Structure formats: structure tokens, C-alpha cells
Protein backbone atom coordinates (compact mmCIF):
# COMPACT_ATOMS: atom_id res chain seq x y z
CA GLY A 1 -2.48 118.67 -51.45
CA ALA A 2 -2.51 117.49 -47.87
CA GLU A 3 -0.59 119.59 -45.42
CA ARG A 4 2.38 117.87 -43.84
CA LYS A 5 2.85 118.22 -40.10
CA LYS A 6 6.29 118.04 -38.56
CA ILE A 7 6.30 115.59 -35.68
CA GLU A 8 8.13 116.72 -32.57
CA LEU A 9 10.14 113.86 -31.10
CA PRO A 10 10.37 113.65 -27.33
CA LYS A 11 13.69 114.86 -25.95
CA VAL A 12 13.33 113.51 -22.41
CA CYS A 13 13.02 109.86 -21.34
CA PRO A 14 9.58 109.30 -19.77
CA ILE A 15 11.09 106.70 -17.42
CA CYS A 16 14.12 108.43 -15.92
CA GLY A 17 14.15 111.98 -17.30
CA GLY A 18 17.43 111.36 -19.15
CA LYS A 19 18.21 112.79 -22.58
CA LEU A 20 16.73 110.90 -25.55
CA THR A 21 18.71 110.56 -28.77
CA LEU A 22 17.47 109.34 -32.14
CA TYR A 23 19.70 106.74 -33.75
CA LYS A 24 18.43 105.36 -37.07
CA SER A 25 14.78 104.69 -36.22
CA ARG A 26 15.19 104.18 -32.49
CA LEU A 27 14.91 106.69 -29.66
CA THR A 28 17.31 105.72 -26.89
CA CYS A 29 17.89 107.09 -23.44
CA GLU A 30 21.47 108.23 -22.87
CA ASN A 31 21.30 107.34 -19.17
CA PRO A 32 22.99 103.92 -18.78
CA GLU A 33 21.18 103.47 -15.45
CA CYS A 34 17.70 103.88 -16.99
CA SER A 35 15.48 100.84 -16.51
CA SER A 36 14.35 101.17 -20.17
CA GLU A 37 17.99 100.50 -21.13
CA TYR A 38 18.10 97.44 -18.85
CA PHE A 39 14.87 96.22 -20.47
CA SER A 40 16.29 96.73 -23.95
CA ARG A 41 19.62 95.03 -23.12
CA THR A 42 17.99 91.99 -21.52
CA SER A 43 15.37 91.70 -24.29
CA LYS A 44 18.06 91.62 -26.97
CA TRP A 45 20.12 88.97 -25.11
CA LEU A 46 17.10 86.70 -24.65
CA SER A 47 15.81 87.29 -28.18
CA VAL A 48 19.12 86.67 -29.99
CA ASN A 49 19.57 83.46 -28.03
CA ASP A 50 15.93 82.40 -28.51
CA VAL A 51 15.35 81.98 -24.76
CA LYS A 52 11.75 81.20 -23.84
CA GLY A 53 10.05 81.90 -20.54
CA PHE A 54 10.81 85.56 -19.88
CA GLY A 55 8.28 87.96 -21.36
CA PRO A 56 8.00 91.76 -21.18
CA ALA A 57 6.24 91.56 -17.78
CA PHE A 58 9.26 89.71 -16.33
CA LEU A 59 11.68 92.20 -17.88
CA LYS A 60 9.73 95.17 -16.49
CA LYS A 61 9.41 93.62 -13.03
CA TYR A 62 13.04 92.53 -12.64
CA SER A 63 15.48 95.24 -13.69
CA VAL A 64 18.51 93.26 -14.82
CA LYS A 65 21.32 95.81 -14.60
CA ASN A 66 24.03 93.53 -16.04
CA LEU A 67 23.43 90.47 -18.15
CA ALA A 68 25.64 88.52 -15.74
CA ASP A 69 22.87 89.01 -13.13
CA LEU A 70 20.75 86.53 -15.11
CA TYR A 71 23.27 83.85 -14.09
CA ASN A 72 23.60 84.95 -10.46
CA GLU A 73 22.28 82.26 -8.08
CA ASP A 74 20.89 84.74 -5.53
CA PHE A 75 19.00 86.62 -8.23
CA ARG A 76 17.68 83.36 -9.67
CA GLN A 77 16.58 82.07 -6.27
CA ALA A 78 14.69 85.30 -5.53
CA VAL A 79 12.94 85.19 -8.90
CA ILE A 80 12.09 81.48 -8.57
CA GLU A 81 10.64 82.02 -5.07
CA GLU A 82 8.36 84.70 -6.47
CA GLU A 83 7.56 83.30 -9.93
CA GLY A 84 7.75 79.56 -9.35
CA VAL A 85 7.94 76.92 -12.06
CA ASN A 86 7.88 79.34 -15.01
CA ALA A 87 11.08 81.00 -13.80
CA VAL A 88 12.69 77.58 -13.37
CA LYS A 89 11.81 76.77 -17.00
CA GLY A 90 13.09 80.15 -18.19
CA PHE A 91 16.44 79.84 -16.41
CA SER A 92 16.77 76.27 -17.64
CA ASP A 93 16.23 77.41 -21.24
CA LEU A 94 18.67 80.29 -20.71
CA ASP A 95 21.35 77.87 -19.46
CA LYS A 96 20.72 75.38 -22.25
CA LYS A 97 21.07 78.05 -24.93
CA THR A 98 23.81 80.28 -23.52
CA ARG A 99 26.11 78.49 -21.05
CA THR A 100 28.14 77.53 -24.12
CA ILE A 101 27.76 80.19 -26.77
CA SER A 102 29.36 81.11 -30.09
CA LEU A 103 31.30 84.37 -30.10
CA ALA A 104 28.99 85.69 -32.86
CA ARG A 105 25.87 85.07 -30.74
CA PHE A 106 27.62 86.49 -27.69
CA ILE A 107 28.42 89.76 -29.53
CA ALA A 108 24.99 89.94 -31.20
CA GLY A 109 23.31 89.43 -27.82
CA PHE A 110 24.49 92.82 -26.62
CA ASP A 111 22.26 95.76 -27.38
CA ILE A 112 24.40 97.32 -30.11
CA ASP A 113 22.34 98.98 -32.85
CA GLY A 114 22.38 97.14 -36.16
CA ILE A 115 24.49 94.23 -34.89
CA GLY A 116 22.76 90.89 -35.29
CA VAL A 117 24.17 87.39 -35.56
CA GLU A 118 25.04 87.68 -39.29
CA ILE A 119 26.95 90.93 -38.87
CA ALA A 120 28.70 89.58 -35.76
CA GLN A 121 29.58 86.45 -37.73
CA SER A 122 31.30 88.60 -40.36
CA LEU A 123 33.66 89.75 -37.58
CA ILE A 124 34.42 86.18 -36.56
CA THR A 125 34.96 85.16 -40.20
CA ALA A 126 37.45 88.05 -40.49
CA GLY A 127 39.36 86.66 -37.52
CA VAL A 128 38.04 88.70 -34.58
CA THR A 129 38.44 86.90 -31.26
CA PHE A 130 37.14 87.89 -27.84
CA ASP A 131 40.55 89.33 -26.94
CA ILE A 132 40.82 91.37 -30.16
CA LEU A 133 37.26 92.72 -29.76
CA PHE A 134 38.20 95.50 -27.33
CA ASN A 135 41.16 96.74 -29.39
CA LEU A 136 39.48 97.03 -32.80
CA THR A 137 39.67 100.31 -34.70
CA VAL A 138 37.43 101.81 -37.38
CA GLU A 139 40.21 101.00 -39.89
CA ASP A 140 40.16 97.32 -38.85
CA LEU A 141 36.40 97.13 -39.25
CA VAL A 142 35.99 98.93 -42.59
CA ALA A 143 38.41 96.39 -44.07
CA ILE A 144 35.73 93.72 -43.44
CA PRO A 145 33.18 93.22 -46.26
CA GLY A 146 29.85 94.83 -45.39
CA TRP A 147 31.32 97.21 -42.85
CA GLY A 148 31.26 100.96 -43.42
CA SER A 149 32.52 103.69 -41.13
CA THR A 150 29.06 104.40 -39.65
CA ARG A 151 28.49 100.78 -38.65
CA ALA A 152 32.08 100.61 -37.35
CA ASP A 153 31.60 103.74 -35.20
CA VAL A 154 28.31 102.50 -33.77
CA PHE A 155 29.81 99.08 -33.08
CA LEU A 156 32.91 100.46 -31.36
CA ASP A 157 30.75 102.76 -29.21
CA GLY A 158 28.56 99.77 -28.32
CA VAL A 159 31.55 97.61 -27.40
CA LYS A 160 32.96 100.40 -25.25
CA LYS A 161 29.59 100.92 -23.54
CA ASN A 162 29.20 97.15 -22.93
CA GLU A 163 32.82 96.18 -22.24
CA LYS A 164 32.43 95.74 -18.48
CA ASP A 165 29.28 93.63 -19.00
CA MET A 166 30.91 91.61 -21.79
CA ARG A 167 33.99 90.81 -19.72
CA GLU A 168 31.87 89.87 -16.70
CA LEU A 169 29.65 87.58 -18.76
CA ALA A 170 32.66 86.01 -20.47
CA LYS A 171 33.85 84.78 -17.05
CA ILE A 172 30.54 82.95 -16.56
CA LEU A 173 29.85 81.54 -20.03
CA LYS A 174 31.95 79.31 -22.23
CA ILE A 175 32.47 81.27 -25.44
CA GLN A 176 33.27 79.08 -28.43
CA GLU A 177 35.69 80.70 -30.81
CA PRO A 178 36.48 79.12 -34.15
CA VAL A 179 40.02 77.93 -34.71
CA THR A 180 41.35 80.66 -36.97
CA SER A 181 43.73 80.04 -39.78
CA GLU A 182 46.88 82.12 -40.09
CA SER A 183 45.52 83.75 -43.22
CA SER A 184 42.53 85.53 -41.64
CA SER A 185 42.14 89.10 -42.84
CA ILE A 186 42.90 90.71 -39.50
CA THR A 187 45.68 88.51 -38.17
CA GLY A 188 48.20 90.76 -36.50
CA MET A 189 45.74 93.56 -35.78
CA HIS A 190 46.04 95.47 -32.56
């Protein structure tokens, strides 16, 4: 039979020299200041919200440290002066699709492994609000259908890692939260 070769995964980020970690099928840099992390974060936000006009070249050229920077007038003006009409179209699409945003899309837009719109929606259906988001526990999450302890741990780590960004962005955007009934499965959680 054919001989199997063991593949050595890189341990060091080629961009910043930070430590690389394998999570599921994705190598990620542990350095939160790495531009590859900025690229990944911004890509996910734009992709989840189906924003057109900002391709990989844009994301590589403009290191968006916090998603809130995408809504900063000075940043926008600088990009528009350099990129012209395409940037205007991109920012216009971004505003149209995200200035008012569902909580599920807001959560899914952050670069948290395995959390897309459907999974985020399961949180909302269970009664999670923006205010509850930062106080959730593994126990709260595993009580929600489709949530196991691994997903819960990854999600809570992701929320913790993104909390500052999430709170900053929440001041800029109008997050639509469904009117919850008193019988939601996590009413009274803290």
C-alpha cells in the first residue's frame, strides 16, 4: 500500500510570528493584533451581511482593527479619497445592510468559529438578548437545542474575545431584538 506521510502543521504565523493554533479545520493566530485576524474578522462581518464592494485586496490594504472602524467617518473619508467611487458604493451597501441589523446577524458577523446566522438565531429563539449575551454560561447554552459543551465553550470564548468590539459596534448600529415572550427558555438567566 501507499505510504502515508504525516503533515507538519506550521506553528508560527507567517504574518506576525505569533503562535498558531488548530481549531477544527482552521489554523488561527493567537495574536489579537495580527493583521490576518483583522482580515478574518472583517471578512466574516462583510460576508455574513452580504456586503458588496470590499474584496480581499481592500481587506489586505486597510487593516480594520475594530469593526466599528468601518463606520468611522475619518476612516471612510480616507478610503474614499484613495479608492474613489467603488469605496462609496461599498460603504453605501454596508450602511444599507447593517445600520439596522438583527441580533442574530450581529452575533454571526463576529468571527466566532462555527457560529453562523442559524446558530445565532437559535440563541435569539431561546431568549438571548444583547444584554444577556455577555453573562451567558455553558449551562445556559447547553440547555438550547443544538448546543453542546464544545460549541458553548467556543462561543463563550469568542464573545469574551469580541466583547469590546461588540459593545462599541452596538453603540453605532441599531440592533433589532425580537419582543420575547415571558415563556422563553432562558428567561431569568444571569
